[in-house]
C-alpha atoms as a PDB file:
ATOM      1  CA  MET A   1     -11.055 -58.914   0.203  1.00  0.00           C
ATOM      2  CA  ASP A   2      -7.986 -59.504  -2.225  1.00  0.00           C
ATOM      3  CA  ALA A   3      -4.593 -57.527  -2.032  1.00  0.00           C
ATOM      4  CA  GLY A   4      -5.850 -55.314  -4.845  1.00  0.00           C
ATOM      5  CA  GLU A   5      -9.000 -53.889  -2.808  1.00  0.00           C
ATOM      6  CA  GLY A   6      -6.892 -53.510   0.118  1.00  0.00           C
ATOM      7  CA  ALA A   7      -4.283 -51.419  -1.711  1.00  0.00           C
ATOM      8  CA  MET A   8      -7.059 -49.545  -3.375  1.00  0.00           C
ATOM      9  CA  ALA A   9      -8.528 -48.543   0.082  1.00  0.00           C
ATOM     10  CA  SER A  10      -5.274 -47.657   1.515  1.00  0.00           C
ATOM     11  CA  TYR A  11      -4.371 -45.515  -1.086  1.00  0.00           C
ATOM     12  CA  ASP A  12      -7.700 -43.382  -1.297  1.00  0.00           C
ATOM     13  CA  TYR A  13      -7.075 -42.944   2.372  1.00  0.00           C
ATOM     14  CA  ASP A  14      -4.052 -41.799   2.143  1.00  0.00           C
ATOM     15  CA  ARG A  15      -5.039 -39.541  -0.969  1.00  0.00           C
ATOM     16  CA  VAL A  16      -7.947 -38.230   0.799  1.00  0.00           C
ATOM     17  CA  ARG A  17      -5.590 -37.490   4.021  1.00  0.00           C
ATOM     18  CA  GLY A  18      -3.233 -35.763   1.869  1.00  0.00           C
ATOM     19  CA  ALA A  19      -6.105 -33.329   0.406  1.00  0.00           C
ATOM     20  CA  ASP A  20      -7.541 -32.701   4.314  1.00  0.00           C
ATOM     21  CA  ARG A  21      -4.098 -31.417   5.557  1.00  0.00           C
ATOM     22  CA  ALA A  22      -3.873 -29.306   1.923  1.00  0.00           C
ATOM     23  CA  ALA A  23      -6.597 -27.878   2.894  1.00  0.00           C
ATOM     24  CA  THR A  24      -6.785 -27.461   6.432  1.00  0.00           C
ATOM     25  CA  GLY A  25      -3.491 -25.788   6.115  1.00  0.00           C
ATOM     26  CA  GLY A  26      -4.709 -23.177   3.581  1.00  0.00           C
ATOM     27  CA  GLN A  27      -7.968 -22.596   5.472  1.00  0.00           C
ATOM     28  CA  ASP A  28      -7.528 -18.861   6.131  1.00  0.00           C
ATOM     29  CA  ALA A  29      -6.495 -18.234   2.592  1.00  0.00           C
ATOM     30  CA  LEU A  30      -9.233 -20.407   1.041  1.00  0.00           C
ATOM     31  CA  LEU A  31     -11.834 -18.465   3.263  1.00  0.00           C
ATOM     32  CA  LEU A  32     -10.279 -15.357   2.039  1.00  0.00           C
ATOM     33  CA  ALA A  33     -10.709 -16.372  -1.482  1.00  0.00           C
ATOM     34  CA  ALA A  34     -14.287 -17.599  -0.832  1.00  0.00           C
ATOM     35  CA  ARG A  35     -15.108 -14.758   0.671  1.00  0.00           C
ATOM     36  CA  LEU A  36     -13.691 -12.572  -2.450  1.00  0.00           C
ATOM     37  CA  LEU A  37     -15.250 -14.662  -5.022  1.00  0.00           C
ATOM     38  CA  ILE A  38     -18.891 -15.154  -3.442  1.00  0.00           C
ATOM     39  CA  GLY A  39     -18.932 -11.647  -2.114  1.00  0.00           C
ATOM     40  CA  ALA A  40     -18.179  -9.692  -5.253  1.00  0.00           C
ATOM     41  CA  ILE A  41     -20.978 -10.691  -7.082  1.00  0.00           C
ATOM     42  CA  PHE A  42     -23.135  -8.872  -4.586  1.00  0.00           C
ATOM     43  CA  VAL A  43     -21.001  -5.749  -4.363  1.00  0.00           C
ATOM     44  CA  GLN A  44     -21.407  -4.840  -7.966  1.00  0.00           C
ATOM     45  CA  SER A  45     -25.159  -6.159  -8.151  1.00  0.00           C
ATOM     46  CA  GLY A  46     -26.213  -4.657  -4.819  1.00  0.00           C
ATOM     47  CA  PHE A  47     -24.322  -1.576  -5.939  1.00  0.00           C
ATOM     48  CA  GLY A  48     -25.896  -1.066  -9.593  1.00  0.00           C
ATOM     49  CA  LYS A  49     -29.558  -1.362  -7.856  1.00  0.00           C
ATOM     50  CA  LEU A  50     -28.802   1.469  -5.818  1.00  0.00           C
ATOM     51  CA  MET A  51     -27.644   3.542  -8.387  1.00  0.00           C
ATOM     52  CA  ASP A  52     -30.665   2.612 -10.275  1.00  0.00           C
ATOM     53  CA  LEU A  53     -33.231   2.350  -7.441  1.00  0.00           C
ATOM     54  CA  GLY A  54     -36.043   3.309  -9.838  1.00  0.00           C
ATOM     55  CA  ALA A  55     -35.300   0.746 -12.180  1.00  0.00           C
ATOM     56  CA  PHE A  56     -35.002  -2.191  -9.255  1.00  0.00           C
ATOM     57  CA  ALA A  57     -38.224  -0.757  -7.865  1.00  0.00           C
ATOM     58  CA  GLY A  58     -39.981  -1.114 -11.377  1.00  0.00           C
ATOM     59  CA  SER A  59     -39.083  -4.572 -11.653  1.00  0.00           C
ATOM     60  CA  LEU A  60     -40.385  -5.363  -7.760  1.00  0.00           C
ATOM     61  CA  GLU A  61     -43.519  -3.521  -8.841  1.00  0.00           C
ATOM     62  CA  GLY A  62     -43.823  -5.945 -11.938  1.00  0.00           C
ATOM     63  CA  GLN A  63     -43.811  -8.468 -10.273  1.00  0.00           C
ATOM     64  CA  GLY A  64     -46.773  -7.815  -8.019  1.00  0.00           C
ATOM     65  CA  LEU A  65     -44.597  -6.752  -4.692  1.00  0.00           C
ATOM     66  CA  PRO A  66     -45.965  -4.049  -2.245  1.00  0.00           C
ATOM     67  CA  MET A  67     -43.735  -0.977  -1.521  1.00  0.00           C
ATOM     68  CA  PRO A  68     -41.805  -1.222  -4.602  1.00  0.00           C
ATOM     69  CA  MET A  69     -39.239   1.899  -3.476  1.00  0.00           C
ATOM     70  CA  LEU A  70     -38.531   0.584   0.403  1.00  0.00           C
ATOM     71  CA  LEU A  71     -37.736  -3.179  -1.024  1.00  0.00           C
ATOM     72  CA  ALA A  72     -35.403  -1.850  -3.823  1.00  0.00           C
ATOM     73  CA  ALA A  73     -33.753   0.251  -1.368  1.00  0.00           C
ATOM     74  CA  LEU A  74     -33.794  -2.463   1.660  1.00  0.00           C
ATOM     75  CA  GLY A  75     -32.768  -5.122  -1.251  1.00  0.00           C
ATOM     76  CA  GLY A  76     -29.856  -3.115  -3.124  1.00  0.00           C
ATOM     77  CA  ALA A  77     -28.274  -2.294   0.517  1.00  0.00           C
ATOM     78  CA  VAL A  78     -28.450  -5.767   1.678  1.00  0.00           C
ATOM     79  CA  GLU A  79     -26.708  -7.028  -1.499  1.00  0.00           C
ATOM     80  CA  CYS A  80     -23.999  -4.004  -1.628  1.00  0.00           C
ATOM     81  CA  PHE A  81     -23.039  -3.911   1.924  1.00  0.00           C
ATOM     82  CA  GLY A  82     -23.540  -7.635   3.091  1.00  0.00           C
ATOM     83  CA  GLY A  83     -21.232  -8.297   0.366  1.00  0.00           C
ATOM     84  CA  LEU A  84     -19.141  -5.630   1.007  1.00  0.00           C
ATOM     85  CA  ALA A  85     -18.399  -7.161   4.395  1.00  0.00           C
ATOM     86  CA  VAL A  86     -18.395 -10.662   3.798  1.00  0.00           C
ATOM     87  CA  VAL A  87     -15.712  -9.533   1.155  1.00  0.00           C
ATOM     88  CA  LEU A  88     -13.719  -7.633   4.172  1.00  0.00           C
ATOM     89  CA  GLY A  89     -14.759 -10.515   6.462  1.00  0.00           C
ATOM     90  CA  ALA A  90     -16.351  -8.042   9.107  1.00  0.00           C
ATOM     91  CA  TRP A  91     -19.402  -9.058  10.854  1.00  0.00           C
ATOM     92  CA  THR A  92     -19.430 -12.417   8.251  1.00  0.00           C
ATOM     93  CA  ARG A  93     -21.891 -14.718  10.171  1.00  0.00           C
ATOM     94  CA  LEU A  94     -24.294 -12.137  10.369  1.00  0.00           C
ATOM     95  CA  ALA A  95     -23.596 -10.801   6.647  1.00  0.00           C
ATOM     96  CA  ALA A  96     -23.740 -13.852   5.125  1.00  0.00           C
ATOM     97  CA  ALA A  97     -26.902 -14.836   6.869  1.00  0.00           C
ATOM     98  CA  ALA A  98     -28.477 -11.725   5.798  1.00  0.00           C
ATOM     99  CA  VAL A  99     -27.325 -12.239   1.784  1.00  0.00           C
ATOM    100  CA  VAL A 100     -28.818 -15.938   2.160  1.00  0.00           C
ATOM    101  CA  LEU A 101     -32.013 -14.141   3.059  1.00  0.00           C
ATOM    102  CA  PHE A 102     -31.693 -11.706   0.165  1.00  0.00           C
ATOM    103  CA  THR A 103     -30.957 -14.136  -1.904  1.00  0.00           C
ATOM    104  CA  ILE A 104     -33.843 -16.506  -1.076  1.00  0.00           C
ATOM    105  CA  MET A 105     -36.193 -13.825  -1.808  1.00  0.00           C
ATOM    106  CA  ALA A 106     -34.675 -13.306  -4.913  1.00  0.00           C
ATOM    107  CA  THR A 107     -34.593 -16.540  -6.033  1.00  0.00           C
ATOM    108  CA  LEU A 108     -38.605 -17.021  -5.030  1.00  0.00           C
ATOM    109  CA  ILE A 109     -39.481 -13.622  -6.728  1.00  0.00           C
ATOM    110  CA  ALA A 110     -37.410 -13.836 -10.041  1.00  0.00           C
ATOM    111  CA  HIS A 111     -36.529 -17.301 -10.920  1.00  0.00           C
ATOM    112  CA  ARG A 112     -39.709 -19.264 -10.510  1.00  0.00           C
ATOM    113  CA  TYR A 113     -38.810 -21.270 -13.399  1.00  0.00           C
ATOM    114  CA  TRP A 114     -41.939 -23.141 -13.256  1.00  0.00           C
ATOM    115  CA  THR A 115     -43.785 -20.216 -14.171  1.00  0.00           C
ATOM    116  CA  TYR A 116     -41.955 -19.354 -16.924  1.00  0.00           C
ATOM    117  CA  PRO A 117     -42.720 -20.313 -20.807  1.00  0.00           C
ATOM    118  CA  PRO A 118     -41.502 -23.270 -21.652  1.00  0.00           C
ATOM    119  CA  GLU A 119     -38.605 -21.727 -23.803  1.00  0.00           C
ATOM    120  CA  ALA A 120     -37.517 -19.570 -20.492  1.00  0.00           C
ATOM    121  CA  GLN A 121     -37.655 -22.245 -18.277  1.00  0.00           C
ATOM    122  CA  GLY A 122     -34.143 -23.851 -18.810  1.00  0.00           C
ATOM    123  CA  MET A 123     -32.264 -20.792 -18.134  1.00  0.00           C
ATOM    124  CA  GLN A 124     -34.481 -19.638 -15.368  1.00  0.00           C
ATOM    125  CA  ARG A 125     -33.398 -22.927 -14.015  1.00  0.00           C
ATOM    126  CA  ILE A 126     -30.008 -22.694 -14.195  1.00  0.00           C
ATOM    127  CA  GLN A 127     -30.528 -19.163 -12.207  1.00  0.00           C
ATOM    128  CA  PHE A 128     -32.047 -20.822  -9.692  1.00  0.00           C
ATOM    129  CA  MET A 129     -29.691 -23.524  -9.331  1.00  0.00           C
ATOM    130  CA  LYS A 130     -26.638 -21.133  -9.075  1.00  0.00           C
ATOM    131  CA  ASN A 131     -29.062 -19.066  -6.304  1.00  0.00           C
ATOM    132  CA  LEU A 132     -28.898 -22.720  -4.541  1.00  0.00           C
ATOM    133  CA  ALA A 133     -25.380 -23.159  -5.008  1.00  0.00           C
ATOM    134  CA  ILE A 134     -24.232 -19.769  -4.071  1.00  0.00           C
ATOM    135  CA  ILE A 135     -26.855 -19.924  -0.855  1.00  0.00           C
ATOM    136  CA  GLY A 136     -24.770 -23.346  -0.238  1.00  0.00           C
ATOM    137  CA  GLY A 137     -21.339 -21.266  -0.202  1.00  0.00           C
ATOM    138  CA  PHE A 138     -22.580 -18.744   2.043  1.00  0.00           C
ATOM    139  CA  LEU A 139     -23.945 -21.417   4.652  1.00  0.00           C
ATOM    140  CA  ALA A 140     -20.397 -22.757   4.639  1.00  0.00           C
ATOM    141  CA  LEU A 141     -18.965 -19.242   5.662  1.00  0.00           C
ATOM    142  CA  ILE A 142     -21.850 -19.010   8.191  1.00  0.00           C
ATOM    143  CA  ALA A 143     -19.759 -22.278   9.041  1.00  0.00           C
ATOM    144  CA  ALA A 144     -16.016 -21.891   8.985  1.00  0.00           C
ATOM    145  CA  GLY A 145     -16.269 -17.718   9.732  1.00  0.00           C
ATOM    146  CA  ALA A 146     -13.871 -15.430   8.198  1.00  0.00           C
ATOM    147  CA  GLY A 147     -10.755 -17.214   8.777  1.00  0.00           C
ATOM    148  CA  ARG A 148      -7.967 -15.303   9.934  1.00  0.00           C
ATOM    149  CA  PHE A 149      -6.965 -12.612   6.975  1.00  0.00           C
ATOM    150  CA  SER A 150     -10.229 -10.567   7.591  1.00  0.00           C
ATOM    151  CA  VAL A 151     -11.511  -8.311   9.799  1.00  0.00           C
ATOM    152  CA  ASP A 152     -13.429 -10.822  12.117  1.00  0.00           C
ATOM    153  CA  GLY A 153      -9.760 -12.534  12.248  1.00  0.00           C
ATOM    154  CA  LEU A 154      -8.150  -9.388  13.166  1.00  0.00           C
ATOM    155  CA  MET A 155     -10.487  -8.234  15.924  1.00  0.00           C
ATOM    156  CA  LYS A 156     -10.543 -11.963  17.390  1.00  0.00           C
ATOM    157  CA  ARG A 157      -6.388 -11.298  17.964  1.00  0.00           C
ATOM    158  CA  ARG A 158      -6.817  -8.257  19.684  1.00  0.00           C
END
C-alpha cells in the first residue's frame, strides 16, 4: 500500500467515526424525528379509513377478501392508532410490529404489481418498494426503541 492509500483509509475512518459520534449524540432526537415522519402517514391514512369505513370495506371486498367491514375496521384502527402510538413513542416496539404486519398485508393485497397491466406495473412497483422501505424503518424502531423523547422514555425514567 502506498502513502496515498493509507491516507485515504485514515480519512475515511475518521469521517465515519465522526458521523457515528454525531448520530450517537443525537440518537434521541433522530428517533423522535423518525417516529414523527414514519408514524404521521399512518395516522392520517388510518383516520381517513376509519372516517369512511364503507369505502375502505368496499375496496377490500373488491380485492376478494372475506368479512370486509370487520377487516376495514381492524385495519383502519391498527393503522391509525398504531401510527399514533409510534408518533407518541408509546408501546413503540409493539405498535411498530403491529404496523409492520398491517403494511405487509396491505402490500400483498393492494400492491401486487405483477398482477397489474403493464402500464400500471411501474407505479405499483414503486408503491410495493415504498412499503418495503417503510417496513425497514419500523424494524429499525423495533430494534432501537423510541428513545428518550417519548412516552416509553418517560415511563422508563420513572
